[in-house]
Amino acid sequence: MGQLIKVAGTKDVPPGTAKAVDVEGRAVALFNVDGTFYAIADTCTHRGGPLSEGAVEGTVVTCPWHGATFDVTTGNVLGPPAAEGVAHYNVQVDGNDIKVGTP
């Protein structure tokens, strides 16, 4: 893992929601699942939809464009039309700061 970059405060991402953040020029989707934060690439591998804008149910996000599903804890694809998963990033909470690891 590279260095950790502060991307948001814990209050900025309430439980059950997502937020688009930038990590050194990479679009990253930050998720809060019951108080645990996860980060995956924000771009769906099917047609580039913004995963941070998708519906989140538990640890699954659905791409808002064509319905592909991804596991927010790993970036693995769970359902079509996407055939490949997305990158997963390490997350650390330091007080009220959320930090994401650079690739």
N, C-alpha and C. Protein backbone atom coordinates (compact mmCIF):
# COMPACT_ATOMS: atom_id res chain seq x y z
N MET A 1 0.84 -1.18 0.00
CA MET A 1 0.00 0.00 0.00
C MET A 1 0.88 1.23 0.00
N GLY A 2 0.46 2.24 -0.73
CA GLY A 2 1.15 3.51 -0.75
C GLY A 2 0.77 4.32 0.48
N GLN A 3 0.90 5.61 0.38
CA GLN A 3 0.55 6.46 1.52
C GLN A 3 -0.96 6.58 1.66
N LEU A 4 -1.39 7.02 2.85
CA LEU A 4 -2.81 7.24 3.12
C LEU A 4 -3.14 8.71 2.91
N ILE A 5 -4.21 8.97 2.16
CA ILE A 5 -4.64 10.32 1.82
C ILE A 5 -5.99 10.58 2.49
N LYS A 6 -6.12 11.70 3.22
CA LYS A 6 -7.41 12.06 3.80
C LYS A 6 -8.35 12.45 2.67
N VAL A 7 -9.54 11.81 2.64
CA VAL A 7 -10.49 12.08 1.57
C VAL A 7 -11.82 12.63 2.07
N ALA A 8 -12.12 12.41 3.36
CA ALA A 8 -13.41 12.86 3.89
C ALA A 8 -13.39 12.75 5.41
N GLY A 9 -14.41 13.31 6.02
CA GLY A 9 -14.65 13.13 7.44
C GLY A 9 -15.72 12.08 7.63
N THR A 10 -15.75 11.43 8.77
CA THR A 10 -16.74 10.37 9.00
C THR A 10 -18.16 10.91 8.89
N LYS A 11 -18.38 12.15 9.27
CA LYS A 11 -19.73 12.73 9.18
C LYS A 11 -20.16 12.98 7.74
N ASP A 12 -19.21 12.98 6.81
CA ASP A 12 -19.52 13.24 5.40
C ASP A 12 -20.13 12.04 4.68
N VAL A 13 -20.03 10.85 5.29
CA VAL A 13 -20.53 9.63 4.66
C VAL A 13 -21.36 8.86 5.69
N PRO A 14 -22.64 9.20 5.84
CA PRO A 14 -23.48 8.52 6.82
C PRO A 14 -23.65 7.03 6.48
N PRO A 15 -23.98 6.20 7.47
CA PRO A 15 -24.20 4.77 7.20
C PRO A 15 -25.21 4.55 6.07
N GLY A 16 -24.87 3.59 5.19
CA GLY A 16 -25.74 3.25 4.08
C GLY A 16 -25.60 4.14 2.86
N THR A 17 -24.58 5.02 2.87
CA THR A 17 -24.41 5.94 1.75
C THR A 17 -23.02 5.79 1.14
N ALA A 18 -22.83 6.51 0.05
CA ALA A 18 -21.54 6.53 -0.65
C ALA A 18 -21.20 7.96 -1.01
N LYS A 19 -19.92 8.19 -1.28
CA LYS A 19 -19.44 9.51 -1.67
C LYS A 19 -18.32 9.32 -2.68
N ALA A 20 -18.34 10.12 -3.73
CA ALA A 20 -17.24 10.12 -4.70
C ALA A 20 -16.11 10.97 -4.14
N VAL A 21 -14.89 10.42 -4.18
CA VAL A 21 -13.71 11.15 -3.72
C VAL A 21 -12.60 10.98 -4.75
N ASP A 22 -11.59 11.83 -4.63
CA ASP A 22 -10.44 11.77 -5.52
C ASP A 22 -9.23 11.32 -4.72
N VAL A 23 -8.55 10.30 -5.21
CA VAL A 23 -7.32 9.83 -4.58
C VAL A 23 -6.21 9.93 -5.63
N GLU A 24 -5.45 11.00 -5.55
CA GLU A 24 -4.36 11.24 -6.49
C GLU A 24 -4.79 11.08 -7.94
N GLY A 25 -5.91 11.71 -8.30
CA GLY A 25 -6.39 11.69 -9.67
C GLY A 25 -7.25 10.50 -10.04
N ARG A 26 -7.46 9.58 -9.10
CA ARG A 26 -8.31 8.42 -9.37
C ARG A 26 -9.69 8.63 -8.73
N ALA A 27 -10.73 8.34 -9.51
CA ALA A 27 -12.10 8.42 -8.99
C ALA A 27 -12.37 7.20 -8.12
N VAL A 28 -12.69 7.46 -6.85
CA VAL A 28 -12.91 6.40 -5.88
C VAL A 28 -14.28 6.59 -5.24
N ALA A 29 -14.99 5.48 -5.05
CA ALA A 29 -16.27 5.49 -4.35
C ALA A 29 -16.03 5.03 -2.92
N LEU A 30 -16.42 5.86 -1.97
CA LEU A 30 -16.25 5.58 -0.55
C LEU A 30 -17.61 5.22 0.03
N PHE A 31 -17.70 4.08 0.70
CA PHE A 31 -18.97 3.57 1.24
C PHE A 31 -18.90 3.43 2.75
N ASN A 32 -20.02 3.68 3.42
CA ASN A 32 -20.16 3.44 4.85
C ASN A 32 -21.19 2.34 5.03
N VAL A 33 -20.73 1.18 5.47
CA VAL A 33 -21.62 0.04 5.72
C VAL A 33 -21.65 -0.18 7.22
N ASP A 34 -22.72 0.29 7.86
CA ASP A 34 -22.89 0.14 9.32
C ASP A 34 -21.68 0.63 10.11
N GLY A 35 -21.09 1.74 9.68
CA GLY A 35 -19.97 2.33 10.41
C GLY A 35 -18.60 1.86 9.97
N THR A 36 -18.53 0.92 9.03
CA THR A 36 -17.26 0.47 8.48
C THR A 36 -17.14 1.05 7.08
N PHE A 37 -15.98 1.62 6.78
CA PHE A 37 -15.78 2.30 5.51
C PHE A 37 -15.00 1.42 4.53
N TYR A 38 -15.42 1.47 3.27
CA TYR A 38 -14.79 0.71 2.19
C TYR A 38 -14.60 1.64 1.00
N ALA A 39 -13.58 1.35 0.19
CA ALA A 39 -13.32 2.17 -1.00
C ALA A 39 -13.01 1.27 -2.18
N ILE A 40 -13.70 1.54 -3.29
CA ILE A 40 -13.46 0.84 -4.55
C ILE A 40 -13.42 1.88 -5.66
N ALA A 41 -12.91 1.48 -6.83
CA ALA A 41 -12.92 2.39 -7.98
C ALA A 41 -14.36 2.81 -8.26
N ASP A 42 -14.54 4.06 -8.63
CA ASP A 42 -15.88 4.62 -8.83
C ASP A 42 -16.43 4.38 -10.22
N THR A 43 -15.67 3.73 -11.08
CA THR A 43 -16.09 3.58 -12.48
C THR A 43 -16.44 2.13 -12.79
N CYS A 44 -17.70 1.88 -13.13
CA CYS A 44 -18.16 0.53 -13.48
C CYS A 44 -17.37 0.02 -14.69
N THR A 45 -17.00 -1.24 -14.65
CA THR A 45 -16.23 -1.83 -15.74
C THR A 45 -17.07 -2.14 -16.98
N HIS A 46 -18.38 -2.01 -16.87
CA HIS A 46 -19.23 -2.27 -18.03
C HIS A 46 -19.23 -1.09 -19.00
N ARG A 47 -19.73 0.06 -18.55
CA ARG A 47 -19.80 1.24 -19.42
C ARG A 47 -19.40 2.52 -18.70
N GLY A 48 -18.73 2.40 -17.55
CA GLY A 48 -18.19 3.58 -16.89
C GLY A 48 -19.12 4.32 -15.96
N GLY A 49 -20.21 3.70 -15.55
CA GLY A 49 -21.15 4.35 -14.64
C GLY A 49 -20.51 4.67 -13.29
N PRO A 50 -20.99 5.73 -12.63
CA PRO A 50 -20.43 6.14 -11.34
C PRO A 50 -21.01 5.29 -10.20
N LEU A 51 -20.21 4.40 -9.67
CA LEU A 51 -20.70 3.49 -8.62
C LEU A 51 -21.10 4.24 -7.35
N SER A 52 -20.48 5.38 -7.09
CA SER A 52 -20.83 6.16 -5.91
C SER A 52 -22.27 6.68 -5.96
N GLU A 53 -22.87 6.68 -7.14
CA GLU A 53 -24.25 7.13 -7.29
C GLU A 53 -25.25 5.97 -7.31
N GLY A 54 -24.74 4.74 -7.16
CA GLY A 54 -25.60 3.57 -7.20
C GLY A 54 -26.29 3.29 -5.89
N ALA A 55 -27.33 2.47 -5.94
CA ALA A 55 -28.04 2.05 -4.73
C ALA A 55 -27.17 1.08 -3.95
N VAL A 56 -27.12 1.26 -2.63
CA VAL A 56 -26.32 0.41 -1.76
C VAL A 56 -27.26 -0.38 -0.85
N GLU A 57 -27.10 -1.70 -0.88
CA GLU A 57 -27.86 -2.58 0.02
C GLU A 57 -26.87 -3.49 0.70
N GLY A 58 -26.64 -3.27 1.99
CA GLY A 58 -25.63 -4.05 2.70
C GLY A 58 -24.27 -3.75 2.11
N THR A 59 -23.59 -4.78 1.62
CA THR A 59 -22.26 -4.60 1.04
C THR A 59 -22.28 -4.65 -0.49
N VAL A 60 -23.46 -4.47 -1.08
CA VAL A 60 -23.59 -4.54 -2.54
C VAL A 60 -24.03 -3.18 -3.09
N VAL A 61 -23.31 -2.72 -4.12
CA VAL A 61 -23.70 -1.51 -4.82
C VAL A 61 -24.13 -1.90 -6.23
N THR A 62 -25.20 -1.26 -6.70
CA THR A 62 -25.71 -1.48 -8.04
C THR A 62 -25.41 -0.28 -8.90
N CYS A 63 -24.74 -0.50 -10.03
CA CYS A 63 -24.42 0.59 -10.93
C CYS A 63 -25.71 1.26 -11.40
N PRO A 64 -25.77 2.59 -11.33
CA PRO A 64 -27.00 3.28 -11.71
C PRO A 64 -27.29 3.27 -13.20
N TRP A 65 -26.31 2.94 -14.02
CA TRP A 65 -26.53 2.98 -15.47
C TRP A 65 -27.14 1.71 -16.02
N HIS A 66 -26.58 0.55 -15.71
CA HIS A 66 -27.06 -0.68 -16.33
C HIS A 66 -27.29 -1.83 -15.35
N GLY A 67 -27.13 -1.58 -14.05
CA GLY A 67 -27.50 -2.58 -13.05
C GLY A 67 -26.46 -3.60 -12.66
N ALA A 68 -25.22 -3.47 -13.10
CA ALA A 68 -24.18 -4.39 -12.65
C ALA A 68 -24.02 -4.23 -11.14
N THR A 69 -23.69 -5.31 -10.46
CA THR A 69 -23.53 -5.25 -9.01
C THR A 69 -22.11 -5.61 -8.61
N PHE A 70 -21.64 -4.93 -7.54
CA PHE A 70 -20.29 -5.11 -7.04
C PHE A 70 -20.30 -5.22 -5.52
N ASP A 71 -19.35 -5.97 -4.99
CA ASP A 71 -19.14 -6.07 -3.55
C ASP A 71 -18.27 -4.89 -3.13
N VAL A 72 -18.78 -4.03 -2.26
CA VAL A 72 -18.01 -2.84 -1.88
C VAL A 72 -16.82 -3.19 -0.98
N THR A 73 -16.81 -4.38 -0.40
CA THR A 73 -15.71 -4.76 0.48
C THR A 73 -14.49 -5.26 -0.28
N THR A 74 -14.69 -5.72 -1.52
CA THR A 74 -13.59 -6.31 -2.30
C THR A 74 -13.45 -5.71 -3.70
N GLY A 75 -14.52 -5.12 -4.24
CA GLY A 75 -14.52 -4.66 -5.62
C GLY A 75 -14.91 -5.74 -6.61
N ASN A 76 -15.15 -6.95 -6.13
CA ASN A 76 -15.52 -8.06 -7.02
C ASN A 76 -16.87 -7.81 -7.67
N VAL A 77 -16.98 -8.18 -8.94
CA VAL A 77 -18.25 -8.09 -9.63
C VAL A 77 -19.14 -9.24 -9.15
N LEU A 78 -20.41 -8.94 -8.91
CA LEU A 78 -21.36 -9.95 -8.43
C LEU A 78 -22.42 -10.28 -9.47
N GLY A 79 -22.67 -9.34 -10.38
CA GLY A 79 -23.70 -9.60 -11.38
C GLY A 79 -23.51 -8.77 -12.63
N PRO A 80 -24.01 -9.30 -13.76
CA PRO A 80 -23.87 -8.65 -15.05
C PRO A 80 -24.67 -7.35 -15.12
N PRO A 81 -24.37 -6.54 -16.13
CA PRO A 81 -23.60 -6.85 -17.32
C PRO A 81 -22.08 -6.69 -17.19
N ALA A 82 -21.56 -6.19 -16.10
CA ALA A 82 -20.10 -6.09 -15.94
C ALA A 82 -19.51 -7.49 -15.83
N ALA A 83 -18.37 -7.69 -16.45
CA ALA A 83 -17.71 -8.99 -16.40
C ALA A 83 -16.48 -8.99 -15.50
N GLU A 84 -16.00 -7.80 -15.14
CA GLU A 84 -14.80 -7.67 -14.31
C GLU A 84 -15.09 -6.81 -13.09
N GLY A 85 -14.36 -7.10 -12.02
CA GLY A 85 -14.45 -6.29 -10.81
C GLY A 85 -13.71 -4.97 -10.97
N VAL A 86 -13.72 -4.19 -9.90
CA VAL A 86 -13.02 -2.91 -9.87
C VAL A 86 -11.96 -2.94 -8.77
N ALA A 87 -11.05 -1.99 -8.82
CA ALA A 87 -10.00 -1.91 -7.82
C ALA A 87 -10.57 -1.66 -6.43
N HIS A 88 -9.90 -2.21 -5.43
CA HIS A 88 -10.26 -2.03 -4.03
C HIS A 88 -9.11 -1.26 -3.37
N TYR A 89 -9.44 -0.34 -2.48
CA TYR A 89 -8.43 0.47 -1.79
C TYR A 89 -8.54 0.28 -0.29
N ASN A 90 -7.41 0.28 0.39
CA ASN A 90 -7.40 0.19 1.84
C ASN A 90 -7.93 1.49 2.43
N VAL A 91 -8.68 1.35 3.53
CA VAL A 91 -9.26 2.51 4.21
C VAL A 91 -8.85 2.47 5.67
N GLN A 92 -8.53 3.64 6.21
CA GLN A 92 -8.21 3.76 7.63
C GLN A 92 -8.97 4.95 8.19
N VAL A 93 -9.58 4.77 9.36
CA VAL A 93 -10.24 5.87 10.04
C VAL A 93 -9.32 6.32 11.17
N ASP A 94 -9.00 7.60 11.16
CA ASP A 94 -8.11 8.18 12.16
C ASP A 94 -8.87 9.31 12.83
N GLY A 95 -9.45 9.04 13.99
CA GLY A 95 -10.33 10.01 14.63
C GLY A 95 -11.57 10.18 13.79
N ASN A 96 -11.78 11.38 13.27
CA ASN A 96 -12.91 11.66 12.39
C ASN A 96 -12.51 11.73 10.92
N ASP A 97 -11.25 11.43 10.63
CA ASP A 97 -10.74 11.49 9.25
C ASP A 97 -10.78 10.12 8.60
N ILE A 98 -11.25 10.09 7.36
CA ILE A 98 -11.21 8.85 6.56
C ILE A 98 -10.07 9.00 5.58
N LYS A 99 -9.15 8.02 5.62
CA LYS A 99 -8.00 8.03 4.73
C LYS A 99 -8.03 6.80 3.84
N VAL A 100 -7.67 7.01 2.57
CA VAL A 100 -7.65 5.93 1.59
C VAL A 100 -6.22 5.75 1.10
N GLY A 101 -5.79 4.49 0.99
CA GLY A 101 -4.44 4.18 0.53
C GLY A 101 -4.30 4.39 -0.97
N THR A 102 -3.17 4.92 -1.34
CA THR A 102 -2.87 5.09 -2.76
C THR A 102 -2.39 3.77 -3.32
N PRO A 103 -2.58 3.56 -4.61
CA PRO A 103 -2.16 2.29 -5.21
C PRO A 103 -0.64 2.11 -5.19
